[in-house]
Amino acid sequence: MIAISEGLSLGEKLGIDPKVLSSIMSTSTASCWSLNSYNPRPGVLEGIPSANNYEGGFGVSLMKKDLSIVLDSASQVGLDLKFGKKAIEYYHELERQGKGKKDFGIVYQYINSLETQKGK
Protein backbone atom coordinates (compact mmCIF):
# COMPACT_ATOMS: atom_id res chain seq x y z
CA MET A 1 0.00 0.00 0.00
CA ILE A 2 2.84 2.39 0.80
CA ALA A 3 4.62 1.79 -2.52
CA ILE A 4 1.37 2.23 -4.47
CA SER A 5 0.62 5.40 -2.49
CA GLU A 6 4.05 6.81 -3.28
CA GLY A 7 3.67 6.02 -6.98
CA LEU A 8 0.22 7.62 -7.15
CA SER A 9 1.44 10.66 -5.27
CA LEU A 10 4.39 11.09 -7.61
CA GLY A 11 2.24 10.72 -10.71
CA GLU A 12 -0.27 13.24 -9.47
CA LYS A 13 2.45 15.76 -8.63
CA LEU A 14 3.75 15.26 -12.18
CA GLY A 15 0.31 16.26 -13.44
CA ILE A 16 -1.10 12.84 -14.34
CA ASP A 17 -4.80 12.34 -13.67
CA PRO A 18 -5.11 9.78 -10.81
CA LYS A 19 -7.65 7.63 -12.72
CA VAL A 20 -5.49 7.58 -15.85
CA LEU A 21 -2.37 6.81 -13.80
CA SER A 22 -4.15 3.99 -11.97
CA SER A 23 -5.25 2.55 -15.29
CA ILE A 24 -1.69 2.68 -16.65
CA MET A 25 -0.23 1.20 -13.49
CA SER A 26 -2.81 -1.61 -13.49
CA THR A 27 -1.47 -2.89 -16.82
CA SER A 28 2.18 -2.83 -15.71
CA THR A 29 4.27 -4.54 -13.06
CA ALA A 30 2.63 -2.20 -10.52
CA SER A 31 -0.64 -4.10 -10.90
CA CYS A 32 -1.77 -5.48 -7.54
CA TRP A 33 -4.72 -5.73 -5.20
CA SER A 34 -3.86 -2.43 -3.46
CA LEU A 35 -4.10 -0.61 -6.77
CA ASN A 36 -6.85 -2.46 -8.61
CA SER A 37 -9.32 -3.30 -5.85
CA TYR A 38 -8.45 -1.02 -2.92
CA ASN A 39 -6.90 2.09 -4.46
CA PRO A 40 -5.83 4.48 -1.67
CA ARG A 41 -6.39 7.61 -3.79
CA PRO A 42 -9.85 9.06 -3.17
CA GLY A 43 -11.90 9.45 -6.32
CA VAL A 44 -10.43 6.56 -8.29
CA LEU A 45 -12.70 3.71 -7.17
CA GLU A 46 -16.13 3.76 -5.56
CA GLY A 47 -17.35 1.64 -2.67
CA ILE A 48 -14.00 1.32 -0.90
CA PRO A 49 -12.63 3.08 2.20
CA SER A 50 -10.71 5.79 0.27
CA ALA A 51 -14.03 6.84 -1.29
CA ASN A 52 -15.53 7.13 2.20
CA ASN A 53 -12.95 9.23 4.08
CA TYR A 54 -11.06 6.00 4.89
CA GLU A 55 -13.92 4.74 7.08
CA GLY A 56 -14.31 0.99 7.40
CA GLY A 57 -11.75 -1.39 6.00
CA PHE A 58 -8.57 -2.60 7.68
CA GLY A 59 -7.54 -0.16 10.40
CA VAL A 60 -4.17 1.51 10.80
CA SER A 61 -3.85 0.01 14.30
CA LEU A 62 -4.44 -3.48 12.92
CA MET A 63 -1.83 -2.95 10.21
CA LYS A 64 0.63 -1.72 12.81
CA LYS A 65 -0.08 -4.80 14.97
CA ASP A 66 0.47 -7.13 12.01
CA LEU A 67 3.68 -5.38 11.04
CA SER A 68 4.88 -5.71 14.64
CA ILE A 69 4.31 -9.47 14.49
CA VAL A 70 6.20 -9.66 11.19
CA LEU A 71 9.13 -7.64 12.52
CA ASP A 72 9.29 -9.70 15.73
CA SER A 73 9.25 -12.92 13.70
CA ALA A 74 11.95 -11.63 11.36
CA SER A 75 14.10 -10.63 14.31
CA GLN A 76 13.81 -14.13 15.76
CA VAL A 77 15.33 -15.62 12.61
CA GLY A 78 17.95 -12.91 12.13
CA LEU A 79 16.33 -10.93 9.29
CA ASP A 80 16.53 -7.15 9.21
CA LEU A 81 13.45 -5.99 7.31
CA LYS A 82 14.32 -2.36 6.63
CA PHE A 83 11.23 -1.66 4.52
CA GLY A 84 9.02 -3.21 7.19
CA LYS A 85 10.63 -1.01 9.84
CA LYS A 86 9.99 2.09 7.75
CA ALA A 87 6.41 0.99 7.07
CA ILE A 88 5.62 0.57 10.75
CA GLU A 89 6.95 4.09 11.38
CA TYR A 90 4.34 5.47 8.98
CA TYR A 91 1.51 3.56 10.65
CA HIS A 92 2.81 4.45 14.12
CA GLU A 93 2.67 8.13 13.21
CA LEU A 94 -0.84 7.80 11.77
CA GLU A 95 -1.94 6.08 14.97
CA ARG A 96 -0.30 8.83 17.02
CA GLN A 97 -2.34 11.35 15.03
CA GLY A 98 -5.53 9.61 16.16
CA LYS A 99 -6.14 7.75 12.90
CA GLY A 100 -5.82 4.22 14.27
CA LYS A 101 -9.36 3.28 13.23
CA LYS A 102 -9.06 4.75 9.74
CA ASP A 103 -8.37 2.34 6.89
CA PHE A 104 -4.68 1.71 6.31
CA GLY A 105 -4.97 3.27 2.82
CA ILE A 106 -4.90 6.64 4.59
CA VAL A 107 -1.14 6.26 4.30
CA TYR A 108 -1.67 7.90 0.87
CA GLN A 109 -2.69 11.13 2.60
CA TYR A 110 0.17 10.78 5.08
CA ILE A 111 2.70 10.53 2.25
CA ASN A 112 1.24 13.63 0.62
CA SER A 113 1.41 15.49 3.93
CA LEU A 114 5.11 14.62 4.24
CA GLU A 115 5.80 16.08 0.83
CA THR A 116 3.77 19.20 1.62
CA GLN A 117 5.76 19.70 4.83
CA LYS A 118 9.06 19.42 2.92
CA GLY A 119 7.90 22.06 0.47
CA LYS A 120 7.38 24.66 3.21
C-alpha atoms as a PDB file:
ATOM      1  CA  MET A   1       0.000   0.000   0.000  1.00  0.00           C
ATOM      2  CA  ILE A   2       2.836   2.387   0.797  1.00  0.00           C
ATOM      3  CA  ALA A   3       4.620   1.788  -2.523  1.00  0.00           C
ATOM      4  CA  ILE A   4       1.365   2.233  -4.473  1.00  0.00           C
ATOM      5  CA  SER A   5       0.616   5.397  -2.488  1.00  0.00           C
ATOM      6  CA  GLU A   6       4.050   6.807  -3.278  1.00  0.00           C
ATOM      7  CA  GLY A   7       3.666   6.023  -6.981  1.00  0.00           C
ATOM      8  CA  LEU A   8       0.224   7.615  -7.149  1.00  0.00           C
ATOM      9  CA  SER A   9       1.438  10.664  -5.267  1.00  0.00           C
ATOM     10  CA  LEU A  10       4.390  11.089  -7.611  1.00  0.00           C
ATOM     11  CA  GLY A  11       2.241  10.721 -10.707  1.00  0.00           C
ATOM     12  CA  GLU A  12      -0.270  13.239  -9.468  1.00  0.00           C
ATOM     13  CA  LYS A  13       2.453  15.756  -8.628  1.00  0.00           C
ATOM     14  CA  LEU A  14       3.751  15.262 -12.177  1.00  0.00           C
ATOM     15  CA  GLY A  15       0.312  16.262 -13.444  1.00  0.00           C
ATOM     16  CA  ILE A  16      -1.103  12.841 -14.336  1.00  0.00           C
ATOM     17  CA  ASP A  17      -4.805  12.344 -13.666  1.00  0.00           C
ATOM     18  CA  PRO A  18      -5.111   9.775 -10.814  1.00  0.00           C
ATOM     19  CA  LYS A  19      -7.646   7.633 -12.717  1.00  0.00           C
ATOM     20  CA  VAL A  20      -5.485   7.584 -15.847  1.00  0.00           C
ATOM     21  CA  LEU A  21      -2.374   6.814 -13.796  1.00  0.00           C
ATOM     22  CA  SER A  22      -4.145   3.993 -11.968  1.00  0.00           C
ATOM     23  CA  SER A  23      -5.245   2.552 -15.289  1.00  0.00           C
ATOM     24  CA  ILE A  24      -1.695   2.682 -16.655  1.00  0.00           C
ATOM     25  CA  MET A  25      -0.230   1.195 -13.492  1.00  0.00           C
ATOM     26  CA  SER A  26      -2.806  -1.612 -13.492  1.00  0.00           C
ATOM     27  CA  THR A  27      -1.469  -2.890 -16.818  1.00  0.00           C
ATOM     28  CA  SER A  28       2.175  -2.832 -15.707  1.00  0.00           C
ATOM     29  CA  THR A  29       4.270  -4.537 -13.061  1.00  0.00           C
ATOM     30  CA  ALA A  30       2.629  -2.197 -10.518  1.00  0.00           C
ATOM     31  CA  SER A  31      -0.641  -4.101 -10.904  1.00  0.00           C
ATOM     32  CA  CYS A  32      -1.774  -5.481  -7.545  1.00  0.00           C
ATOM     33  CA  TRP A  33      -4.724  -5.728  -5.195  1.00  0.00           C
ATOM     34  CA  SER A  34      -3.859  -2.435  -3.455  1.00  0.00           C
ATOM     35  CA  LEU A  35      -4.104  -0.606  -6.766  1.00  0.00           C
ATOM     36  CA  ASN A  36      -6.851  -2.455  -8.612  1.00  0.00           C
ATOM     37  CA  SER A  37      -9.319  -3.296  -5.848  1.00  0.00           C
ATOM     38  CA  TYR A  38      -8.454  -1.022  -2.921  1.00  0.00           C
ATOM     39  CA  ASN A  39      -6.900   2.087  -4.463  1.00  0.00           C
ATOM     40  CA  PRO A  40      -5.829   4.481  -1.672  1.00  0.00           C
ATOM     41  CA  ARG A  41      -6.385   7.611  -3.788  1.00  0.00           C
ATOM     42  CA  PRO A  42      -9.849   9.064  -3.170  1.00  0.00           C
ATOM     43  CA  GLY A  43     -11.901   9.446  -6.323  1.00  0.00           C
ATOM     44  CA  VAL A  44     -10.426   6.563  -8.290  1.00  0.00           C
ATOM     45  CA  LEU A  45     -12.701   3.712  -7.165  1.00  0.00           C
ATOM     46  CA  GLU A  46     -16.134   3.759  -5.558  1.00  0.00           C
ATOM     47  CA  GLY A  47     -17.345   1.638  -2.674  1.00  0.00           C
ATOM     48  CA  ILE A  48     -13.996   1.320  -0.903  1.00  0.00           C
ATOM     49  CA  PRO A  49     -12.626   3.085   2.197  1.00  0.00           C
ATOM     50  CA  SER A  50     -10.711   5.786   0.271  1.00  0.00           C
ATOM     51  CA  ALA A  51     -14.029   6.835  -1.289  1.00  0.00           C
ATOM     52  CA  ASN A  52     -15.526   7.131   2.204  1.00  0.00           C
ATOM     53  CA  ASN A  53     -12.954   9.229   4.081  1.00  0.00           C
ATOM     54  CA  TYR A  54     -11.064   6.002   4.888  1.00  0.00           C
ATOM     55  CA  GLU A  55     -13.917   4.739   7.076  1.00  0.00           C
ATOM     56  CA  GLY A  56     -14.308   0.985   7.396  1.00  0.00           C
ATOM     57  CA  GLY A  57     -11.750  -1.386   5.995  1.00  0.00           C
ATOM     58  CA  PHE A  58      -8.574  -2.595   7.682  1.00  0.00           C
ATOM     59  CA  GLY A  59      -7.537  -0.157  10.395  1.00  0.00           C
ATOM     60  CA  VAL A  60      -4.168   1.514  10.800  1.00  0.00           C
ATOM     61  CA  SER A  61      -3.853   0.012  14.301  1.00  0.00           C
ATOM     62  CA  LEU A  62      -4.437  -3.483  12.921  1.00  0.00           C
ATOM     63  CA  MET A  63      -1.830  -2.947  10.206  1.00  0.00           C
ATOM     64  CA  LYS A  64       0.632  -1.717  12.813  1.00  0.00           C
ATOM     65  CA  LYS A  65      -0.084  -4.797  14.969  1.00  0.00           C
ATOM     66  CA  ASP A  66       0.466  -7.131  12.008  1.00  0.00           C
ATOM     67  CA  LEU A  67       3.683  -5.380  11.039  1.00  0.00           C
ATOM     68  CA  SER A  68       4.883  -5.705  14.640  1.00  0.00           C
ATOM     69  CA  ILE A  69       4.307  -9.470  14.489  1.00  0.00           C
ATOM     70  CA  VAL A  70       6.199  -9.660  11.194  1.00  0.00           C
ATOM     71  CA  LEU A  71       9.134  -7.636  12.522  1.00  0.00           C
ATOM     72  CA  ASP A  72       9.293  -9.697  15.727  1.00  0.00           C
ATOM     73  CA  SER A  73       9.247 -12.918  13.702  1.00  0.00           C
ATOM     74  CA  ALA A  74      11.951 -11.632  11.365  1.00  0.00           C
ATOM     75  CA  SER A  75      14.103 -10.634  14.312  1.00  0.00           C
ATOM     76  CA  GLN A  76      13.806 -14.134  15.763  1.00  0.00           C
ATOM     77  CA  VAL A  77      15.333 -15.617  12.614  1.00  0.00           C
ATOM     78  CA  GLY A  78      17.948 -12.907  12.127  1.00  0.00           C
ATOM     79  CA  LEU A  79      16.330 -10.934   9.290  1.00  0.00           C
ATOM     80  CA  ASP A  80      16.534  -7.154   9.214  1.00  0.00           C
ATOM     81  CA  LEU A  81      13.448  -5.988   7.314  1.00  0.00           C
ATOM     82  CA  LYS A  82      14.317  -2.364   6.632  1.00  0.00           C
ATOM     83  CA  PHE A  83      11.228  -1.656   4.521  1.00  0.00           C
ATOM     84  CA  GLY A  84       9.021  -3.214   7.190  1.00  0.00           C
ATOM     85  CA  LYS A  85      10.632  -1.014   9.839  1.00  0.00           C
ATOM     86  CA  LYS A  86       9.988   2.090   7.752  1.00  0.00           C
ATOM     87  CA  ALA A  87       6.405   0.994   7.074  1.00  0.00           C
ATOM     88  CA  ILE A  88       5.624   0.570  10.753  1.00  0.00           C
ATOM     89  CA  GLU A  89       6.949   4.092  11.376  1.00  0.00           C
ATOM     90  CA  TYR A  90       4.336   5.469   8.976  1.00  0.00           C
ATOM     91  CA  TYR A  91       1.513   3.561  10.649  1.00  0.00           C
ATOM     92  CA  HIS A  92       2.806   4.453  14.124  1.00  0.00           C
ATOM     93  CA  GLU A  93       2.666   8.128  13.209  1.00  0.00           C
ATOM     94  CA  LEU A  94      -0.843   7.797  11.772  1.00  0.00           C
ATOM     95  CA  GLU A  95      -1.945   6.076  14.975  1.00  0.00           C
ATOM     96  CA  ARG A  96      -0.296   8.826  17.023  1.00  0.00           C
ATOM     97  CA  GLN A  97      -2.344  11.351  15.032  1.00  0.00           C
ATOM     98  CA  GLY A  98      -5.532   9.609  16.160  1.00  0.00           C
ATOM     99  CA  LYS A  99      -6.140   7.751  12.896  1.00  0.00           C
ATOM    100  CA  GLY A 100      -5.819   4.217  14.267  1.00  0.00           C
ATOM    101  CA  LYS A 101      -9.357   3.283  13.230  1.00  0.00           C
ATOM    102  CA  LYS A 102      -9.063   4.746   9.737  1.00  0.00           C
ATOM    103  CA  ASP A 103      -8.368   2.339   6.886  1.00  0.00           C
ATOM    104  CA  PHE A 104      -4.678   1.714   6.311  1.00  0.00           C
ATOM    105  CA  GLY A 105      -4.969   3.271   2.819  1.00  0.00           C
ATOM    106  CA  ILE A 106      -4.904   6.638   4.588  1.00  0.00           C
ATOM    107  CA  VAL A 107      -1.145   6.260   4.297  1.00  0.00           C
ATOM    108  CA  TYR A 108      -1.666   7.897   0.870  1.00  0.00           C
ATOM    109  CA  GLN A 109      -2.685  11.133   2.597  1.00  0.00           C
ATOM    110  CA  TYR A 110       0.173  10.783   5.080  1.00  0.00           C
ATOM    111  CA  ILE A 111       2.701  10.528   2.245  1.00  0.00           C
ATOM    112  CA  ASN A 112       1.239  13.630   0.617  1.00  0.00           C
ATOM    113  CA  SER A 113       1.409  15.494   3.932  1.00  0.00           C
ATOM    114  CA  LEU A 114       5.112  14.621   4.244  1.00  0.00           C
ATOM    115  CA  GLU A 115       5.801  16.077   0.828  1.00  0.00           C
ATOM    116  CA  THR A 116       3.768  19.199   1.618  1.00  0.00           C
ATOM    117  CA  GLN A 117       5.765  19.701   4.828  1.00  0.00           C
ATOM    118  CA  LYS A 118       9.063  19.416   2.917  1.00  0.00           C
ATOM    119  CA  GLY A 119       7.904  22.061   0.465  1.00  0.00           C
ATOM    120  CA  LYS A 120       7.383  24.655   3.206  1.00  0.00           C
END
